[in-house]
């Protein structure tokens, strides 16, 4: 550590700030060092914004289905479930 030197007096060690600043400046000038948001993150952010802005038009339907399930009255049609899965590519 060539940038640290011992001194006498109340301070035992002094850090050489000028050389540290020079290293810091040269390190940040490297074009490989950069930060930013990836394209995937931007797309995810846009999708999240669209979901947040969308109206919950199915809230009543979901509430009705939950009530049917709670009462034990809900019966899913397995063929319809399979068809929807194939349609959506899930």
Protein backbone atom coordinates (compact mmCIF):
# COMPACT_ATOMS: atom_id res chain seq x y z
CA UNK A 1 0.00 0.00 0.00
CA UNK A 2 2.15 2.78 -1.28
CA UNK A 3 -0.47 5.46 -0.67
CA UNK A 4 -0.37 5.11 3.14
CA UNK A 5 2.46 6.72 5.07
CA UNK A 6 3.22 6.93 8.76
CA UNK A 7 3.60 10.30 10.37
CA UNK A 8 4.38 11.59 13.79
CA UNK A 9 1.99 13.55 15.96
CA UNK A 10 -1.65 12.99 16.82
CA UNK A 11 -2.41 11.26 13.53
CA UNK A 12 -0.63 7.97 13.08
CA UNK A 13 -1.57 7.31 9.43
CA UNK A 14 -2.46 9.65 6.57
CA UNK A 15 -4.19 8.33 3.50
CA UNK A 16 -2.92 9.89 0.28
CA UNK A 17 -6.17 11.14 -1.27
CA UNK A 18 -4.63 12.45 -4.47
CA UNK A 19 -3.50 9.02 -5.64
CA UNK A 20 -6.80 7.47 -4.55
CA UNK A 21 -8.71 10.05 -6.58
CA UNK A 22 -6.51 9.41 -9.61
CA UNK A 23 -7.24 5.68 -9.40
CA UNK A 24 -10.93 6.33 -8.91
CA UNK A 25 -11.10 8.60 -11.95
CA UNK A 26 -9.27 6.14 -14.18
CA UNK A 27 -11.44 3.25 -12.95
CA UNK A 28 -14.71 5.00 -13.79
CA UNK A 29 -13.46 5.94 -17.24
CA UNK A 30 -13.43 2.27 -18.28
CA UNK A 31 -16.25 1.80 -20.81
CA UNK A 32 -16.85 -1.76 -19.54
CA UNK A 33 -17.98 -0.31 -16.20
CA UNK A 34 -21.53 0.88 -16.64
CA UNK A 35 -24.89 0.47 -15.06
CA UNK A 36 -28.31 0.59 -16.53
CA UNK A 37 -31.58 -1.20 -17.01
CA UNK A 38 -31.70 -4.17 -19.34
CA UNK A 39 -34.26 -4.46 -22.12
CA UNK A 40 -35.92 -7.31 -20.22
CA UNK A 41 -36.28 -5.12 -17.14
CA UNK A 42 -37.81 -2.32 -19.22
CA UNK A 43 -40.29 -4.75 -20.78
CA UNK A 44 -41.19 -6.15 -17.37
CA UNK A 45 -41.71 -2.63 -16.07
CA UNK A 46 -44.03 -1.79 -18.97
CA UNK A 47 -46.00 -5.01 -18.42
CA UNK A 48 -46.30 -4.31 -14.71
CA UNK A 49 -47.56 -0.80 -15.48
CA UNK A 50 -50.19 -2.18 -17.85
CA UNK A 51 -51.38 -4.64 -15.22
CA UNK A 52 -51.54 -1.92 -12.59
CA UNK A 53 -53.60 0.32 -14.89
CA UNK A 54 -55.99 -2.43 -16.05
CA UNK A 55 -59.42 -2.48 -14.51
CA UNK A 56 -60.38 -5.58 -12.59
CA UNK A 57 -63.40 -6.42 -14.76
CA UNK A 58 -63.49 -10.01 -13.57
CA UNK A 59 -63.69 -9.22 -9.85
CA UNK A 60 -67.38 -10.14 -9.71
CA UNK A 61 -66.78 -13.40 -11.57
CA UNK A 62 -63.91 -14.33 -9.23
CA UNK A 63 -66.04 -13.54 -6.18
CA UNK A 64 -68.87 -15.72 -7.51
CA UNK A 65 -66.49 -18.61 -8.20
CA UNK A 66 -64.95 -18.32 -4.74
CA UNK A 67 -68.41 -18.49 -3.21
CA UNK A 68 -69.27 -21.60 -5.27
CA UNK A 69 -66.01 -23.26 -4.22
CA UNK A 70 -66.64 -22.40 -0.56
CA UNK A 71 -70.13 -23.95 -0.76
CA UNK A 72 -68.75 -27.04 -2.57
CA UNK A 73 -70.89 -26.30 -5.64
CA UNK A 74 -68.16 -25.58 -8.19
CA UNK A 75 -67.62 -28.26 -10.80
CA UNK A 76 -64.98 -27.58 -13.46
CA UNK A 77 -65.48 -29.15 -16.88
CA UNK A 78 -62.22 -31.08 -17.49
CA UNK A 79 -62.58 -30.86 -21.28
CA UNK A 80 -63.03 -27.10 -21.14
CA UNK A 81 -60.02 -26.75 -18.82
CA UNK A 82 -57.89 -28.86 -21.21
CA UNK A 83 -59.07 -26.83 -24.22
CA UNK A 84 -58.18 -23.52 -22.54
CA UNK A 85 -54.75 -24.84 -21.52
CA UNK A 86 -54.03 -25.85 -25.12
CA UNK A 87 -55.34 -22.53 -26.48
CA UNK A 88 -53.13 -20.48 -24.17
CA UNK A 89 -50.08 -22.69 -24.52
CA UNK A 90 -49.70 -23.13 -20.78
